[in-house]
Amino acid sequence: MSRGGEMVYIPDDSDFSSFRDQCESLEGWHCRYNKAGVTVWSQGQEESCTVQKIKTRISCKDVPAETLYDVLHDTSYRKKWDSNMIETYDIGRLTVNADVGYYSWKCPSPLKNRDFVTLRSWLPLGNDYMIINYSVKHPKYPPRKDFVRAVSLQTGYLIKANGDGACVLYYLTQVDPRGSLPKWVVNRVSQFVAPKAMKKIYKAGLKYPEWKRRHDPEYKPWVYPEQNTLPSVSLAELSVQHADSLENIDETGLPEDHLSASDHEA
């Protein structure tokens, strides 16, 4: 996503417009999964390539767009529903609608766990909402020995209002996981991991209003910037995280039969 590949910048209207077009367009996308209201597409690269662009879509009945927007921002609530997450926290704010954050997640055994540092930006557009990110380097948060630092080239959500009290959620991601992964991992992302993740977000949306009523209901710094107490971060402190400067491990020899039963849940 970074322009020219070198400069860290805060996405503008044209970046959000481009992201929305990618979410809504079907041209060049290949359907990999379509079941129970969830669709998954992939684009561009050969199946054996690990840096695939994946797009997923789910219809969320009984969840308004603004509720799902809150769910995706609320790091306290994320600890409740995102069982793949190891740790997440906000590092600092850049503007009223951009910040820098950290996220680490569990990879299916026997793969090594991954983590990210990303610049995230968000844009409410009437009844629709977008959140997008890409990887950056922050001097105080270098790669850790216990994780493989992965690279988000472009990742984000588009939430579209869909009638009264319902919405459609798109998730689009292009990530370099830093590792020569076995082909079964790439296939599993579209067949199991992505659909399961979308269903989790939907269920989280259904339960969020009741949870939020009991947990600081007025606190929404992503809606009310004056509530944001994060330290300021300057763009000058950041640089673009290039994949080729990170550890690249070879996990191609890992067999699929080492997966635990929980990893096969759809």
C-alpha atoms as a PDB file:
ATOM      1  CA  MET A   1       0.000   0.000   0.000  1.00  0.00           C
ATOM      2  CA  SER A   2       2.879   2.364   0.728  1.00  0.00           C
ATOM      3  CA  ARG A   3       3.507   4.746  -2.161  1.00  0.00           C
ATOM      4  CA  GLY A   4       6.748   4.036  -3.902  1.00  0.00           C
ATOM      5  CA  GLY A   5       7.485   1.447  -1.256  1.00  0.00           C
ATOM      6  CA  GLU A   6       9.632   3.787   0.877  1.00  0.00           C
ATOM      7  CA  MET A   7       7.614   6.563   2.492  1.00  0.00           C
ATOM      8  CA  VAL A   8       5.319   6.002   5.446  1.00  0.00           C
ATOM      9  CA  TYR A   9       2.124   7.996   4.927  1.00  0.00           C
ATOM     10  CA  ILE A  10      -1.415   8.209   6.246  1.00  0.00           C
ATOM     11  CA  PRO A  11      -3.954   6.889   3.715  1.00  0.00           C
ATOM     12  CA  ASP A  12      -6.128   9.523   2.052  1.00  0.00           C
ATOM     13  CA  ASP A  13      -9.523   9.449   0.322  1.00  0.00           C
ATOM     14  CA  SER A  14      -8.071   7.937  -2.849  1.00  0.00           C
ATOM     15  CA  ASP A  15      -6.588   5.026  -0.860  1.00  0.00           C
ATOM     16  CA  PHE A  16      -9.922   4.328   0.810  1.00  0.00           C
ATOM     17  CA  SER A  17     -11.722   4.594  -2.530  1.00  0.00           C
ATOM     18  CA  SER A  18      -9.294   2.128  -4.103  1.00  0.00           C
ATOM     19  CA  PHE A  19      -9.716  -0.271  -1.187  1.00  0.00           C
ATOM     20  CA  ARG A  20     -13.503  -0.097  -1.489  1.00  0.00           C
ATOM     21  CA  ASP A  21     -13.304  -0.808  -5.228  1.00  0.00           C
ATOM     22  CA  GLN A  22     -11.183  -3.904  -4.569  1.00  0.00           C
ATOM     23  CA  CYS A  23     -13.700  -5.172  -2.030  1.00  0.00           C
ATOM     24  CA  GLU A  24     -16.702  -4.687  -4.302  1.00  0.00           C
ATOM     25  CA  SER A  25     -15.173  -5.753  -7.617  1.00  0.00           C
ATOM     26  CA  LEU A  26     -15.256  -9.358  -8.842  1.00  0.00           C
ATOM     27  CA  GLU A  27     -12.902  -8.834 -11.775  1.00  0.00           C
ATOM     28  CA  GLY A  28      -9.740 -10.919 -11.437  1.00  0.00           C
ATOM     29  CA  TRP A  29     -10.964 -12.696  -8.309  1.00  0.00           C
ATOM     30  CA  HIS A  30     -11.407 -16.483  -8.128  1.00  0.00           C
ATOM     31  CA  CYS A  31     -14.066 -17.880  -5.801  1.00  0.00           C
ATOM     32  CA  ARG A  32     -12.521 -20.444  -3.442  1.00  0.00           C
ATOM     33  CA  TYR A  33     -15.362 -20.958  -0.963  1.00  0.00           C
ATOM     34  CA  ASN A  34     -19.087 -20.139  -0.903  1.00  0.00           C
ATOM     35  CA  LYS A  35     -21.174 -21.607   1.876  1.00  0.00           C
ATOM     36  CA  ALA A  36     -23.605 -20.496   4.613  1.00  0.00           C
ATOM     37  CA  GLY A  37     -23.461 -16.808   3.728  1.00  0.00           C
ATOM     38  CA  VAL A  38     -19.646 -16.635   3.583  1.00  0.00           C
ATOM     39  CA  THR A  39     -17.703 -16.213   0.323  1.00  0.00           C
ATOM     40  CA  VAL A  40     -13.909 -16.316  -0.073  1.00  0.00           C
ATOM     41  CA  TRP A  41     -11.972 -15.208  -3.166  1.00  0.00           C
ATOM     42  CA  SER A  42      -8.279 -15.196  -4.015  1.00  0.00           C
ATOM     43  CA  GLN A  43      -6.493 -13.152  -6.646  1.00  0.00           C
ATOM     44  CA  GLY A  44      -3.529 -13.103  -8.880  1.00  0.00           C
ATOM     45  CA  GLN A  45      -0.839 -15.406  -7.661  1.00  0.00           C
ATOM     46  CA  GLU A  46      -0.353 -19.108  -8.235  1.00  0.00           C
ATOM     47  CA  GLU A  47      -1.724 -21.370  -5.527  1.00  0.00           C
ATOM     48  CA  SER A  48       1.789 -22.271  -4.434  1.00  0.00           C
ATOM     49  CA  CYS A  49       2.610 -18.628  -3.707  1.00  0.00           C
ATOM     50  CA  THR A  50       2.316 -17.662  -0.052  1.00  0.00           C
ATOM     51  CA  VAL A  51       1.720 -13.949  -0.690  1.00  0.00           C
ATOM     52  CA  GLN A  52      -1.847 -14.296  -1.870  1.00  0.00           C
ATOM     53  CA  LYS A  53      -4.514 -11.648  -1.871  1.00  0.00           C
ATOM     54  CA  ILE A  54      -7.561 -13.033  -0.077  1.00  0.00           C
ATOM     55  CA  LYS A  55     -11.009 -11.436   0.144  1.00  0.00           C
ATOM     56  CA  THR A  56     -13.924 -12.640   2.255  1.00  0.00           C
ATOM     57  CA  ARG A  57     -17.527 -11.469   2.552  1.00  0.00           C
ATOM     58  CA  ILE A  58     -20.247 -12.276   5.079  1.00  0.00           C
ATOM     59  CA  SER A  59     -23.832 -11.048   5.476  1.00  0.00           C
ATOM     60  CA  CYS A  60     -24.556 -10.118   9.095  1.00  0.00           C
ATOM     61  CA  LYS A  61     -28.241 -10.115   9.977  1.00  0.00           C
ATOM     62  CA  ASP A  62     -29.213  -8.302  13.181  1.00  0.00           C
ATOM     63  CA  VAL A  63     -25.853  -6.492  13.419  1.00  0.00           C
ATOM     64  CA  PRO A  64     -25.867  -2.796  12.402  1.00  0.00           C
ATOM     65  CA  ALA A  65     -22.795  -1.518  10.537  1.00  0.00           C
ATOM     66  CA  GLU A  66     -21.837   0.854  13.358  1.00  0.00           C
ATOM     67  CA  THR A  67     -21.844  -2.033  15.860  1.00  0.00           C
ATOM     68  CA  LEU A  68     -19.455  -4.112  13.755  1.00  0.00           C
ATOM     69  CA  TYR A  69     -17.253  -1.033  13.335  1.00  0.00           C
ATOM     70  CA  ASP A  70     -17.056  -0.750  17.138  1.00  0.00           C
ATOM     71  CA  VAL A  71     -16.255  -4.471  17.465  1.00  0.00           C
ATOM     72  CA  LEU A  72     -13.290  -4.206  15.081  1.00  0.00           C
ATOM     73  CA  HIS A  73     -11.892  -1.184  16.953  1.00  0.00           C
ATOM     74  CA  ASP A  74     -12.431  -2.307  20.532  1.00  0.00           C
ATOM     75  CA  THR A  75      -9.188  -4.014  21.636  1.00  0.00           C
ATOM     76  CA  SER A  76     -10.627  -4.844  25.069  1.00  0.00           C
ATOM     77  CA  TYR A  77     -13.476  -6.776  23.475  1.00  0.00           C
ATOM     78  CA  ARG A  78     -11.166  -8.458  20.964  1.00  0.00           C
ATOM     79  CA  LYS A  79      -9.624 -10.445  23.807  1.00  0.00           C
ATOM     80  CA  LYS A  80     -13.093 -11.997  24.314  1.00  0.00           C
ATOM     81  CA  TRP A  81     -13.771 -13.250  20.790  1.00  0.00           C
ATOM     82  CA  ASP A  82     -10.459 -13.571  18.911  1.00  0.00           C
ATOM     83  CA  SER A  83      -9.100 -16.923  20.142  1.00  0.00           C
ATOM     84  CA  ASN A  84      -6.219 -16.769  17.624  1.00  0.00           C
ATOM     85  CA  MET A  85      -4.895 -13.560  19.146  1.00  0.00           C
ATOM     86  CA  ILE A  86      -1.985 -13.772  21.579  1.00  0.00           C
ATOM     87  CA  GLU A  87      -1.644 -10.056  22.290  1.00  0.00           C
ATOM     88  CA  THR A  88      -2.782  -6.725  20.858  1.00  0.00           C
ATOM     89  CA  TYR A  89      -2.303  -3.139  21.956  1.00  0.00           C
ATOM     90  CA  ASP A  90      -2.218   0.388  20.560  1.00  0.00           C
ATOM     91  CA  ILE A  91       1.257   1.960  20.469  1.00  0.00           C
ATOM     92  CA  GLY A  92       0.386   5.571  19.709  1.00  0.00           C
ATOM     93  CA  ARG A  93      -1.776   7.926  17.662  1.00  0.00           C
ATOM     94  CA  LEU A  94      -0.831   9.736  14.498  1.00  0.00           C
ATOM     95  CA  THR A  95      -4.037  11.717  13.811  1.00  0.00           C
ATOM     96  CA  VAL A  96      -7.682  11.576  14.900  1.00  0.00           C
ATOM     97  CA  ASN A  97      -8.227   8.653  12.505  1.00  0.00           C
ATOM     98  CA  ALA A  98      -4.844   6.906  12.378  1.00  0.00           C
ATOM     99  CA  ASP A  99      -2.693   5.044  14.880  1.00  0.00           C
ATOM    100  CA  VAL A 100       0.095   2.479  15.199  1.00  0.00           C
ATOM    101  CA  GLY A 101      -0.528  -0.869  16.878  1.00  0.00           C
ATOM    102  CA  TYR A 102       0.830  -4.334  17.636  1.00  0.00           C
ATOM    103  CA  TYR A 103      -0.863  -7.696  17.052  1.00  0.00           C
ATOM    104  CA  SER A 104       0.388 -11.265  17.480  1.00  0.00           C
ATOM    105  CA  TRP A 105      -1.476 -14.452  16.654  1.00  0.00           C
ATOM    106  CA  LYS A 106      -1.266 -18.196  17.055  1.00  0.00           C
ATOM    107  CA  CYS A 107      -0.458 -20.138  13.910  1.00  0.00           C
ATOM    108  CA  PRO A 108      -1.609 -23.753  13.617  1.00  0.00           C
ATOM    109  CA  SER A 109       0.938 -26.113  15.121  1.00  0.00           C
ATOM    110  CA  PRO A 110       3.685 -26.863  14.091  1.00  0.00           C
ATOM    111  CA  LEU A 111       4.123 -23.435  12.421  1.00  0.00           C
ATOM    112  CA  LYS A 112       5.777 -20.603  14.363  1.00  0.00           C
ATOM    113  CA  ASN A 113       3.560 -17.803  15.661  1.00  0.00           C
ATOM    114  CA  ARG A 114       3.516 -14.473  13.795  1.00  0.00           C
ATOM    115  CA  ASP A 115       3.245 -10.813  14.776  1.00  0.00           C
ATOM    116  CA  PHE A 116       2.782  -7.392  13.127  1.00  0.00           C
ATOM    117  CA  VAL A 117       3.339  -3.710  13.768  1.00  0.00           C
ATOM    118  CA  THR A 118       0.926  -1.749  11.579  1.00  0.00           C
ATOM    119  CA  LEU A 119      -0.210   1.749  10.720  1.00  0.00           C
ATOM    120  CA  ARG A 120      -4.011   1.678  10.841  1.00  0.00           C
ATOM    121  CA  SER A 121      -6.414   4.277   9.496  1.00  0.00           C
ATOM    122  CA  TRP A 122     -10.211   4.427   9.478  1.00  0.00           C
ATOM    123  CA  LEU A 123     -12.972   6.315   7.693  1.00  0.00           C
ATOM    124  CA  PRO A 124     -16.714   6.482   8.429  1.00  0.00           C
ATOM    125  CA  LEU A 125     -18.668   7.249   5.227  1.00  0.00           C
ATOM    126  CA  GLY A 126     -22.327   7.812   6.045  1.00  0.00           C
ATOM    127  CA  ASN A 127     -23.658   4.366   6.984  1.00  0.00           C
ATOM    128  CA  ASP A 128     -20.525   2.591   5.734  1.00  0.00           C
ATOM    129  CA  TYR A 129     -17.127   2.229   7.400  1.00  0.00           C
ATOM    130  CA  MET A 130     -13.585   1.297   6.388  1.00  0.00           C
ATOM    131  CA  ILE A 131     -10.506   0.320   8.411  1.00  0.00           C
ATOM    132  CA  ILE A 132      -7.206  -0.331   6.590  1.00  0.00           C
ATOM    133  CA  ASN A 133      -3.621  -1.021   7.642  1.00  0.00           C
ATOM    134  CA  TYR A 134      -0.123  -1.814   6.408  1.00  0.00           C
ATOM    135  CA  SER A 135       3.106  -2.823   8.159  1.00  0.00           C
ATOM    136  CA  VAL A 136       5.578  -0.296   9.506  1.00  0.00           C
ATOM    137  CA  LYS A 137       8.748  -0.383  11.591  1.00  0.00           C
ATOM    138  CA  HIS A 138       8.804   1.344  14.985  1.00  0.00           C
ATOM    139  CA  PRO A 139      12.199   1.610  16.747  1.00  0.00           C
ATOM    140  CA  LYS A 140      10.770   0.554  20.114  1.00  0.00           C
ATOM    141  CA  TYR A 141       9.013  -2.537  18.738  1.00  0.00           C
ATOM    142  CA  PRO A 142      11.571  -4.542  16.754  1.00  0.00           C
ATOM    143  CA  PRO A 143      11.047  -8.205  15.746  1.00  0.00           C
ATOM    144  CA  ARG A 144      11.007 -10.579  18.722  1.00  0.00           C
ATOM    145  CA  LYS A 145      12.794 -13.910  19.053  1.00  0.00           C
ATOM    146  CA  ASP A 146       9.584 -15.774  19.952  1.00  0.00           C
ATOM    147  CA  PHE A 147       7.664 -14.644  16.827  1.00  0.00           C
ATOM    148  CA  VAL A 148       8.170 -14.436  13.085  1.00  0.00           C
ATOM    149  CA  ARG A 149       7.505 -10.800  12.091  1.00  0.00           C
ATOM    150  CA  ALA A 150       5.022 -10.926   9.189  1.00  0.00           C
ATOM    151  CA  VAL A 151       4.219  -8.082   6.789  1.00  0.00           C
ATOM    152  CA  SER A 152       0.781  -6.674   5.964  1.00  0.00           C
ATOM    153  CA  LEU A 153       1.087  -5.223   2.465  1.00  0.00           C
ATOM    154  CA  GLN A 154      -2.570  -4.208   2.658  1.00  0.00           C
ATOM    155  CA  THR A 155      -5.283  -5.408   5.028  1.00  0.00           C
ATOM    156  CA  GLY A 156      -8.660  -3.976   5.869  1.00  0.00           C
ATOM    157  CA  TYR A 157     -12.393  -4.122   6.410  1.00  0.00           C
ATOM    158  CA  LEU A 158     -15.306  -2.578   4.558  1.00  0.00           C
ATOM    159  CA  ILE A 159     -18.596  -2.573   6.495  1.00  0.00           C
ATOM    160  CA  LYS A 160     -21.663  -1.715   4.414  1.00  0.00           C
ATOM    161  CA  ALA A 161     -25.079  -1.048   5.915  1.00  0.00           C
ATOM    162  CA  ASN A 162     -27.585  -3.495   4.422  1.00  0.00           C
ATOM    163  CA  GLY A 163     -31.125  -2.539   5.283  1.00  0.00           C
ATOM    164  CA  ASP A 164     -32.463  -2.008   8.800  1.00  0.00           C
ATOM    165  CA  GLY A 165     -30.107  -3.284  11.495  1.00  0.00           C
ATOM    166  CA  ALA A 166     -27.997  -5.449   9.164  1.00  0.00           C
ATOM    167  CA  CYS A 167     -24.708  -5.139   7.311  1.00  0.00           C
ATOM    168  CA  VAL A 168     -22.282  -6.804   4.938  1.00  0.00           C
ATOM    169  CA  LEU A 169     -18.657  -7.203   6.008  1.00  0.00           C
ATOM    170  CA  TYR A 170     -15.726  -7.489   3.584  1.00  0.00           C
ATOM    171  CA  TYR A 171     -12.241  -8.424   4.745  1.00  0.00           C
ATOM    172  CA  LEU A 172      -9.380  -8.074   2.275  1.00  0.00           C
ATOM    173  CA  THR A 173      -5.789  -8.985   3.066  1.00  0.00           C
ATOM    174  CA  GLN A 174      -2.454  -9.325   1.332  1.00  0.00           C
ATOM    175  CA  VAL A 175       0.140 -10.505   3.829  1.00  0.00           C
ATOM    176  CA  ASP A 176       3.667 -11.831   3.492  1.00  0.00           C
ATOM    177  CA  PRO A 177       3.839 -14.392   6.326  1.00  0.00           C
ATOM    178  CA  ARG A 178       7.661 -14.549   6.060  1.00  0.00           C
ATOM    179  CA  GLY A 179       8.221 -18.202   5.533  1.00  0.00           C
ATOM    180  CA  SER A 180       8.215 -20.715   2.728  1.00  0.00           C
ATOM    181  CA  LEU A 181       4.950 -22.267   3.789  1.00  0.00           C
ATOM    182  CA  PRO A 182       3.625 -25.683   2.806  1.00  0.00           C
ATOM    183  CA  LYS A 183       0.935 -25.584   0.121  1.00  0.00           C
ATOM    184  CA  TRP A 184      -1.676 -27.043   2.490  1.00  0.00           C
ATOM    185  CA  VAL A 185      -1.401 -23.928   4.690  1.00  0.00           C
ATOM    186  CA  VAL A 186      -2.200 -21.625   1.766  1.00  0.00           C
ATOM    187  CA  ASN A 187      -5.195 -23.787   0.818  1.00  0.00           C
ATOM    188  CA  ARG A 188      -6.436 -23.978   4.397  1.00  0.00           C
ATOM    189  CA  VAL A 189      -6.545 -20.200   4.736  1.00  0.00           C
ATOM    190  CA  SER A 190      -9.306 -19.930   2.125  1.00  0.00           C
ATOM    191  CA  GLN A 191     -11.133 -23.151   3.001  1.00  0.00           C
ATOM    192  CA  PHE A 192     -11.107 -23.057   6.813  1.00  0.00           C
ATOM    193  CA  VAL A 193      -9.351 -20.118   8.436  1.00  0.00           C
ATOM    194  CA  ALA A 194     -11.007 -17.205   6.600  1.00  0.00           C
ATOM    195  CA  PRO A 195     -14.634 -18.471   6.833  1.00  0.00           C
ATOM    196  CA  LYS A 196     -14.192 -19.340  10.514  1.00  0.00           C
ATOM    197  CA  ALA A 197     -12.739 -15.897  11.263  1.00  0.00           C
ATOM    198  CA  MET A 198     -15.655 -14.129   9.542  1.00  0.00           C
ATOM    199  CA  LYS A 199     -18.220 -16.166  11.494  1.00  0.00           C
ATOM    200  CA  LYS A 200     -16.412 -15.260  14.715  1.00  0.00           C
ATOM    201  CA  ILE A 201     -16.629 -11.541  13.926  1.00  0.00           C
ATOM    202  CA  TYR A 202     -20.354 -11.887  13.139  1.00  0.00           C
ATOM    203  CA  LYS A 203     -21.030 -13.671  16.446  1.00  0.00           C
ATOM    204  CA  ALA A 204     -18.939 -11.047  18.237  1.00  0.00           C
ATOM    205  CA  GLY A 205     -21.155  -8.366  16.700  1.00  0.00           C
ATOM    206  CA  LEU A 206     -24.304 -10.039  18.010  1.00  0.00           C
ATOM    207  CA  LYS A 207     -22.924 -10.116  21.572  1.00  0.00           C
ATOM    208  CA  TYR A 208     -21.163  -6.750  21.626  1.00  0.00           C
ATOM    209  CA  PRO A 209     -24.025  -4.401  22.648  1.00  0.00           C
ATOM    210  CA  GLU A 210     -24.686  -6.378  25.851  1.00  0.00           C
ATOM    211  CA  TRP A 211     -20.942  -6.661  26.623  1.00  0.00           C
ATOM    212  CA  LYS A 212     -20.347  -2.949  26.010  1.00  0.00           C
ATOM    213  CA  ARG A 213     -23.210  -1.957  28.321  1.00  0.00           C
ATOM    214  CA  ARG A 214     -21.216  -3.556  31.148  1.00  0.00           C
ATOM    215  CA  HIS A 215     -17.751  -2.353  30.094  1.00  0.00           C
ATOM    216  CA  ASP A 216     -17.262   1.421  29.918  1.00  0.00           C
ATOM    217  CA  PRO A 217     -20.191   2.009  27.515  1.00  0.00           C
ATOM    218  CA  GLU A 218     -19.335   5.648  26.801  1.00  0.00           C
ATOM    219  CA  TYR A 219     -15.686   4.966  25.937  1.00  0.00           C
ATOM    220  CA  LYS A 220     -15.184   4.861  22.154  1.00  0.00           C
ATOM    221  CA  PRO A 221     -12.056   6.836  21.225  1.00  0.00           C
ATOM    222  CA  TRP A 222     -12.385   5.707  17.592  1.00  0.00           C
ATOM    223  CA  VAL A 223     -15.670   7.674  17.502  1.00  0.00           C
ATOM    224  CA  TYR A 224     -14.789  10.387  20.041  1.00  0.00           C
ATOM    225  CA  PRO A 225     -11.129  11.372  19.436  1.00  0.00           C
ATOM    226  CA  GLU A 226     -11.088  13.562  22.554  1.00  0.00           C
ATOM    227  CA  GLN A 227     -11.157  10.333  24.605  1.00  0.00           C
ATOM    228  CA  ASN A 228      -7.896   9.142  23.061  1.00  0.00           C
ATOM    229  CA  THR A 229      -5.097   9.170  25.649  1.00  0.00           C
ATOM    230  CA  LEU A 230      -2.442   7.403  23.545  1.00  0.00           C
ATOM    231  CA  PRO A 231       0.929   9.143  23.199  1.00  0.00           C
ATOM    232  CA  SER A 232       1.491  10.913  19.899  1.00  0.00           C
ATOM    233  CA  VAL A 233       3.675   9.203  17.307  1.00  0.00           C
ATOM    234  CA  SER A 234       5.395  11.118  14.533  1.00  0.00           C
ATOM    235  CA  LEU A 235       5.547   9.719  11.004  1.00  0.00           C
ATOM    236  CA  ALA A 236       9.265  10.498  11.139  1.00  0.00           C
ATOM    237  CA  GLU A 237       9.680   7.771  13.796  1.00  0.00           C
ATOM    238  CA  LEU A 238       8.311   5.149  11.414  1.00  0.00           C
ATOM    239  CA  SER A 239       9.585   3.462   8.283  1.00  0.00           C
ATOM    240  CA  VAL A 240       8.033   0.974   5.878  1.00  0.00           C
ATOM    241  CA  GLN A 241       8.500  -2.652   6.923  1.00  0.00           C
ATOM    242  CA  HIS A 242       9.991  -4.463   3.957  1.00  0.00           C
ATOM    243  CA  ALA A 243       9.583  -8.220   3.930  1.00  0.00           C
ATOM    244  CA  ASP A 244      13.046  -8.922   2.537  1.00  0.00           C
ATOM    245  CA  SER A 245      14.713  -7.411   5.625  1.00  0.00           C
ATOM    246  CA  LEU A 246      13.042  -9.944   7.933  1.00  0.00           C
ATOM    247  CA  GLU A 247      13.721 -13.545   8.853  1.00  0.00           C
ATOM    248  CA  ASN A 248      12.452 -15.961   6.227  1.00  0.00           C
ATOM    249  CA  ILE A 249      12.012 -19.480   7.577  1.00  0.00           C
ATOM    250  CA  ASP A 250      11.373 -22.611   5.554  1.00  0.00           C
ATOM    251  CA  GLU A 251       8.345 -24.498   6.843  1.00  0.00           C
ATOM    252  CA  THR A 252       7.524 -26.316   3.615  1.00  0.00           C
ATOM    253  CA  GLY A 253       8.457 -29.679   5.092  1.00  0.00           C
ATOM    254  CA  LEU A 254       5.904 -29.534   7.895  1.00  0.00           C
ATOM    255  CA  PRO A 255       3.212 -32.195   7.391  1.00  0.00           C
ATOM    256  CA  GLU A 256      -0.480 -31.391   7.601  1.00  0.00           C
ATOM    257  CA  ASP A 257      -1.200 -34.361   9.862  1.00  0.00           C
ATOM    258  CA  HIS A 258       0.542 -32.534  12.735  1.00  0.00           C
ATOM    259  CA  LEU A 259      -2.434 -30.179  12.986  1.00  0.00           C
ATOM    260  CA  SER A 260      -4.480 -30.406  16.152  1.00  0.00           C
ATOM    261  CA  ALA A 261      -8.197 -31.193  15.893  1.00  0.00           C
ATOM    262  CA  SER A 262      -9.147 -27.629  16.831  1.00  0.00           C
ATOM    263  CA  ASP A 263      -7.333 -26.289  13.780  1.00  0.00           C
ATOM    264  CA  HIS A 264      -9.687 -28.229  11.506  1.00  0.00           C
ATOM    265  CA  GLU A 265     -12.858 -26.634  12.865  1.00  0.00           C
ATOM    266  CA  ALA A 266     -14.666 -24.781  10.103  1.00  0.00           C
END
